Each structure stands twice: as structure tokens, then as C-alpha cells.
Amino acid sequence: MASCPVTVPDMSTVPTGYRYYGNYANDALIVALEPGGKNVVLPDVVRADGSISRKMGMYRRVSGQLTAVGKRLDAPAPPVVGEYDPKGYGDTGFQSGAIHFPSEGCWEITATVGDASLTFVTLVVVAPFEPLSPAWLPEGFQMIDYGVIDLPESIQYIFGSPGEDDGKIIVETTWGLREDSIPYPEDVIQRVTVRGQDGVCVQGAWDAQGKWQTGVDAGTLEWTAEGFSYRISQEGLGLNCEDLLRVTAGSSQ
């Protein structure tokens, strides 16, 4: 999964007046890519034959019928099938539809309209459990990526302000107990209650030499519940433990 050359959303490619329709474009087409160029789905959307369909509307900036084809880059597989019915959508403008992926994997898709085309790469993966979603985020924040290299055991939801590098929040859900958990210095631990469960919150981070730096703009909240381990971390946002508890909803110190 780490080697898949995904095409990431890039709003700079989309003219200002068309950004309602997607986040990646060329002179012919505009498409709405998923955060980080990854399609992460739950098992209930996987069909009995292992195939996965994802809605993927596109905006046609030139005239023509929209089609989409694709191939898997990381393993042999049947081709992608685009499902786009031209009825009722005219020769240009938005057209709804879906991409039918035969399986998980790294997929290169080429959408064509008239004599022009747009090619992008997306990673399709199945998360075996539903990850924790945040109940609160700083204003303007939204999901910007998925951390999937540790699937099926662990997945990260990564949130930030699109187009800016002023910090991020990572919400990580792990099936079972975390194996990489590092004990924090006892004098920096705040004992907290998270959704009725005991948890810990710390301000600061380990540096490259293995020393704890309290003055670093970073913080982490951890707890376990019902067979899962959870970690919410922030960096570069000036958030404290109370803010991290707000992300979980219904939590208290």
C-alpha cells in the first residue's frame, strides 16, 4: 500500500468557479478524489465477489460522452468498469456515476470525454472495523488523508486545514492492544476519563535522542475500550488535553 503512487487532491488544478464539483482537474475533466487519494471502505460495501463500487461524479469541461476504464497496478486483476449513463446530463457539465473496482488494490483510472482524458491513481482498501470519528475539530478542519499502512490492525484518520501546513490532528484506532506504545514520563501524565474509561493525556513529545520535550507543541490522548486502543494526537495547533478530550465527545478530566 505504501508504494501506490496515489494522485492526491490538488485544488490549484481546479478553476475557482468549479471547485464545487471536485478537487482535481485538467482542461477536460474535474473529479472529486477521496482524502489522500485513497478509498477506504467498510466490509459491508464489499460484494460477495470482492468487488467494490464507489460513486465518482465528474464535471465535463468539454463536449462528449464520459467513459472510464482502469487497470490494477500492483497485481493481476480484471479491468475497472466505469458506470456512467449519459441520459439527462447533456453534452457538458456534471455527470453522476460510479467506478466499479473488481477488488482492493492500487488502481490507475483514465476518464475520457470526447478526445480528451484525465488519468489518476487511487488506492482501494477495506478497513475491517469502523474507526473512531471525531466529535469536534478546530474550525475549518477536515479529513485530508488516511493512514493505512498498518491495516488491518490499525488505521488513522488525519485532519487538517486543506492547503495549509499549520498542524494536524490524527485519530488512530487499533484493533486490540497497541504493540508500539511507549511509556510516558510519569511526571507528565494526566489521568483522564474518556467515555467512561481510564485514559492518559500528555503534553510534549519524544525527540530524536529519546528525550521527552515538554515544550514541544504536541499532545497525545490514549485509552482502550471494548477490545480497541485509541490514540488522538495533535501537533502544531496549540491544543491542550481538554481540547483533545473534546474530540472524543462526552469525555472529562
Protein backbone atom coordinates (compact mmCIF):
# COMPACT_ATOMS: atom_id res chain seq x y z
CA MET A 1 0.00 0.00 0.00
CA ALA A 2 2.82 2.42 0.79
CA SER A 3 4.19 2.11 -2.76
CA CYS A 4 0.95 3.01 -4.55
CA PRO A 5 1.57 6.33 -6.39
CA VAL A 6 -1.80 7.82 -5.48
CA THR A 7 -2.98 11.05 -7.06
CA VAL A 8 -3.71 13.46 -4.22
CA PRO A 9 -6.37 16.17 -4.37
CA ASP A 10 -4.98 19.46 -5.66
CA MET A 11 -7.40 22.39 -5.63
CA SER A 12 -4.90 24.52 -7.53
CA THR A 13 -5.75 22.49 -10.64
CA VAL A 14 -9.45 23.42 -10.40
CA PRO A 15 -10.71 26.84 -11.58
CA THR A 16 -12.26 28.85 -8.74
CA GLY A 17 -15.76 28.76 -10.15
CA TYR A 18 -15.77 24.97 -10.45
CA ARG A 19 -14.49 23.87 -7.05
CA TYR A 20 -17.94 22.69 -6.02
CA TYR A 21 -17.52 19.78 -8.46
CA GLY A 22 -14.20 18.32 -7.36
CA ASN A 23 -10.63 18.73 -6.22
CA TYR A 24 -8.53 17.53 -9.14
CA ALA A 25 -8.75 18.60 -12.76
CA ASN A 26 -7.27 19.31 -16.16
CA ASP A 27 -8.68 21.20 -19.14
CA ALA A 28 -11.19 18.45 -19.85
CA LEU A 29 -12.48 17.00 -16.59
CA ILE A 30 -12.91 17.65 -12.88
CA VAL A 31 -13.10 14.77 -10.39
CA ALA A 32 -13.64 14.56 -6.64
CA LEU A 33 -10.87 12.39 -5.19
CA GLU A 34 -11.10 10.93 -1.69
CA PRO A 35 -8.79 12.27 1.07
CA GLY A 36 -5.17 11.43 0.32
CA GLY A 37 -6.24 9.79 -2.94
CA LYS A 38 -7.41 6.72 -1.01
CA ASN A 39 -10.76 4.95 -0.99
CA VAL A 40 -11.20 3.33 2.43
CA VAL A 41 -14.37 1.29 2.79
CA LEU A 42 -16.01 -0.93 5.41
CA PRO A 43 -16.76 -4.62 4.82
CA ASP A 44 -20.50 -4.02 4.35
CA VAL A 45 -19.93 -2.38 0.95
CA VAL A 46 -17.80 -5.23 -0.41
CA ARG A 47 -19.80 -7.52 -2.69
CA ALA A 48 -19.72 -11.30 -2.47
CA ASP A 49 -17.22 -11.49 -5.34
CA GLY A 50 -14.87 -9.00 -3.61
CA SER A 51 -15.72 -6.08 -5.89
CA ILE A 52 -16.31 -2.54 -4.63
CA SER A 53 -18.29 0.25 -6.27
CA ARG A 54 -17.62 3.90 -5.40
CA LYS A 55 -19.68 6.90 -6.50
CA MET A 56 -17.48 9.22 -8.54
CA GLY A 57 -19.23 12.03 -10.35
CA MET A 58 -17.25 14.15 -12.79
CA TYR A 59 -17.62 17.54 -14.42
CA ARG A 60 -17.06 17.71 -18.20
CA ARG A 61 -15.44 20.93 -19.35
CA VAL A 62 -15.55 19.80 -22.98
CA SER A 63 -18.29 18.11 -25.01
CA GLY A 64 -18.62 14.38 -25.21
CA GLN A 65 -19.81 11.18 -23.58
CA LEU A 66 -18.00 10.27 -20.36
CA THR A 67 -16.36 6.87 -20.05
CA ALA A 68 -13.87 5.45 -17.57
CA VAL A 69 -11.53 2.46 -17.70
CA GLY A 70 -8.69 1.33 -15.49
CA LYS A 71 -6.17 -1.29 -14.52
CA ARG A 72 -4.68 -2.57 -11.29
CA LEU A 73 -1.02 -1.63 -10.88
CA ASP A 74 0.05 -3.91 -8.03
CA ALA A 75 -1.38 -7.29 -9.07
CA PRO A 76 -3.16 -9.01 -11.96
CA ALA A 77 -6.90 -8.24 -11.95
CA PRO A 78 -9.85 -7.71 -14.28
CA PRO A 79 -10.21 -4.14 -15.60
CA VAL A 80 -12.11 -1.35 -13.89
CA VAL A 81 -15.57 -0.62 -15.23
CA GLY A 82 -16.95 2.92 -15.19
CA GLU A 83 -20.72 3.19 -14.88
CA TYR A 84 -21.81 6.48 -16.49
CA ASP A 85 -25.24 6.79 -18.10
CA PRO A 86 -25.36 9.85 -20.38
CA LYS A 87 -29.14 10.21 -20.26
CA GLY A 88 -30.29 13.51 -18.78
CA TYR A 89 -26.84 15.06 -18.45
CA GLY A 90 -26.35 16.73 -21.83
CA ASP A 91 -23.05 17.06 -23.66
CA THR A 92 -21.14 19.03 -20.99
CA GLY A 93 -21.28 19.76 -17.27
CA PHE A 94 -21.68 17.44 -14.29
CA GLN A 95 -22.46 13.76 -14.71
CA SER A 96 -23.02 11.35 -11.85
CA GLY A 97 -21.78 7.79 -11.94
CA ALA A 98 -19.56 5.25 -10.26
CA ILE A 99 -16.35 3.30 -10.64
CA HIS A 100 -16.61 -0.47 -10.22
CA PHE A 101 -13.37 -1.88 -8.77
CA PRO A 102 -13.02 -5.67 -9.07
CA SER A 103 -11.04 -5.80 -5.81
CA GLU A 104 -8.90 -3.88 -3.36
CA GLY A 105 -5.59 -2.60 -4.67
CA CYS A 106 -3.77 0.21 -6.43
CA TRP A 107 -5.76 1.32 -9.46
CA GLU A 108 -4.99 3.64 -12.38
CA ILE A 109 -8.15 5.18 -13.83
CA THR A 110 -8.48 7.05 -17.13
CA ALA A 111 -11.68 9.02 -17.68
CA THR A 112 -12.33 10.16 -21.26
CA VAL A 113 -14.66 12.74 -22.74
CA GLY A 114 -14.52 13.45 -26.45
CA ASP A 115 -10.86 13.42 -27.50
CA ALA A 116 -9.55 14.40 -24.04
CA SER A 117 -8.86 12.40 -20.90
CA LEU A 118 -7.84 12.62 -17.24
CA THR A 119 -5.77 9.91 -15.54
CA PHE A 120 -5.37 9.40 -11.79
CA VAL A 121 -4.31 6.66 -9.39
CA THR A 122 -6.26 5.66 -6.29
CA LEU A 123 -5.75 3.08 -3.55
CA VAL A 124 -8.78 0.98 -2.57
CA VAL A 125 -8.60 -0.74 0.82
CA VAL A 126 -11.06 -2.31 3.26
CA ALA A 127 -10.93 -1.42 6.96
CA PRO A 128 -12.16 -4.47 8.92
CA PHE A 129 -13.72 -2.27 11.63
CA GLU A 130 -15.30 1.18 11.85
CA PRO A 131 -12.70 3.68 13.11
CA LEU A 132 -13.44 6.36 15.68
CA SER A 133 -14.69 9.60 14.14
CA PRO A 134 -14.07 12.93 15.87
CA ALA A 135 -16.95 14.77 17.54
CA TRP A 136 -15.10 18.11 17.44
CA LEU A 137 -12.38 19.66 15.30
CA PRO A 138 -10.89 23.16 15.07
CA GLU A 139 -12.81 25.45 12.73
CA GLY A 140 -12.05 24.81 9.08
CA PHE A 141 -10.52 21.38 9.67
CA GLN A 142 -11.49 18.39 7.57
CA MET A 143 -10.11 14.99 6.69
CA ILE A 144 -7.03 15.34 4.49
CA ASP A 145 -5.68 11.78 4.46
CA TYR A 146 -5.91 8.22 5.73
CA GLY A 147 -3.01 6.37 7.36
CA VAL A 148 -3.45 2.81 6.08
CA ILE A 149 -0.02 1.14 6.09
CA ASP A 150 -0.79 -0.69 9.36
CA LEU A 151 -4.08 -2.18 8.19
CA PRO A 152 -5.77 -4.50 9.04
CA GLU A 153 -4.68 -3.88 12.65
CA SER A 154 -4.72 -0.08 12.71
CA ILE A 155 -5.96 2.92 10.72
CA GLN A 156 -5.52 6.66 11.08
CA TYR A 157 -7.87 9.49 10.19
CA ILE A 158 -5.77 12.59 9.54
CA PHE A 159 -7.36 16.03 9.79
CA GLY A 160 -6.05 19.45 8.86
CA SER A 161 -6.80 22.69 7.09
CA PRO A 162 -6.61 22.00 3.33
CA GLY A 163 -3.73 23.74 1.60
CA GLU A 164 -2.08 24.81 4.86
CA ASP A 165 0.72 23.34 6.95
CA ASP A 166 -0.29 24.79 10.31
CA GLY A 167 -0.69 21.49 12.13
CA LYS A 168 -2.84 18.39 12.15
CA ILE A 169 -4.88 16.04 14.31
CA ILE A 170 -4.53 12.26 13.96
CA VAL A 171 -7.26 9.93 15.24
CA GLU A 172 -5.94 6.36 15.34
CA THR A 173 -7.96 3.21 16.00
CA THR A 174 -6.17 -0.09 16.66
CA TRP A 175 -7.76 -3.50 16.89
CA GLY A 176 -6.53 -4.93 20.21
CA LEU A 177 -3.73 -3.54 22.35
CA ARG A 178 -1.12 -1.31 20.75
CA GLU A 179 2.25 -3.02 20.40
CA ASP A 180 4.24 0.20 19.84
CA SER A 181 3.08 2.03 22.95
CA ILE A 182 5.99 3.76 24.72
CA PRO A 183 5.66 4.59 28.41
CA TYR A 184 5.49 8.33 29.07
CA PRO A 185 7.43 10.00 31.87
CA GLU A 186 5.28 9.69 34.97
CA ASP A 187 5.52 13.39 35.83
CA VAL A 188 3.90 14.49 32.52
CA ILE A 189 0.93 12.10 32.60
CA GLN A 190 -2.55 13.48 33.23
CA ARG A 191 -5.06 10.84 34.27
CA VAL A 192 -8.35 11.33 32.44
CA THR A 193 -11.68 9.62 31.85
CA VAL A 194 -12.65 9.01 28.23
CA ARG A 195 -16.15 7.76 27.59
CA GLY A 196 -16.17 6.11 30.98
CA GLN A 197 -12.75 4.51 30.50
CA ASP A 198 -9.43 5.34 32.15
CA GLY A 199 -7.03 7.15 29.86
CA VAL A 200 -3.87 9.23 29.86
CA CYS A 201 -3.04 12.56 28.26
CA VAL A 202 0.40 14.12 27.83
CA GLN A 203 1.74 17.43 26.53
CA GLY A 204 5.02 17.27 24.60
CA ALA A 205 6.82 14.60 22.58
CA TRP A 206 9.95 12.44 22.40
CA ASP A 207 12.83 13.93 20.42
CA ALA A 208 15.25 12.09 18.10
CA GLN A 209 17.57 11.36 21.04
CA GLY A 210 14.81 9.70 23.05
CA LYS A 211 14.36 12.61 25.47
CA TRP A 212 10.97 13.96 26.42
CA GLN A 213 10.40 17.58 25.37
CA THR A 214 7.56 19.20 27.32
CA GLY A 215 7.82 22.49 25.44
CA VAL A 216 7.06 20.97 22.04
CA ASP A 217 3.68 21.92 20.56
CA ALA A 218 2.29 18.39 20.61
CA GLY A 219 -0.06 16.31 22.71
CA THR A 220 -1.49 12.79 22.88
CA LEU A 221 -4.58 11.22 24.42
CA GLU A 222 -4.77 7.41 24.75
CA TRP A 223 -7.29 4.91 26.12
CA THR A 224 -8.68 1.42 25.47
CA ALA A 225 -12.27 0.23 25.28
CA GLU A 226 -14.12 -2.88 24.11
CA GLY A 227 -11.11 -4.53 22.51
CA PHE A 228 -9.76 -1.42 20.76
CA SER A 229 -6.94 1.00 21.51
CA TYR A 230 -7.40 4.67 20.65
CA ARG A 231 -4.90 7.47 20.24
CA ILE A 232 -5.64 11.10 19.42
CA SER A 233 -2.61 13.27 18.79
CA GLN A 234 -2.02 16.84 17.69
CA GLU A 235 0.98 18.82 16.55
CA GLY A 236 1.43 22.48 15.72
CA LEU A 237 -2.04 23.55 16.87
CA GLY A 238 -1.52 24.65 20.48
CA LEU A 239 -4.23 22.28 21.71
CA ASN A 240 -4.25 21.02 25.30
CA CYS A 241 -5.69 17.89 26.95
CA GLU A 242 -9.10 19.49 27.35
CA ASP A 243 -9.22 20.10 23.59
CA LEU A 244 -8.22 16.51 22.82
CA LEU A 245 -10.97 15.27 25.12
CA ARG A 246 -13.46 17.37 23.15
CA VAL A 247 -12.55 15.40 20.05
CA THR A 248 -13.92 12.24 21.68
CA ALA A 249 -17.20 13.79 22.93
CA GLY A 250 -18.67 13.11 26.32
CA SER A 251 -15.28 12.90 27.98
CA SER A 252 -13.91 14.51 31.10
CA GLN A 253 -10.73 15.01 33.09
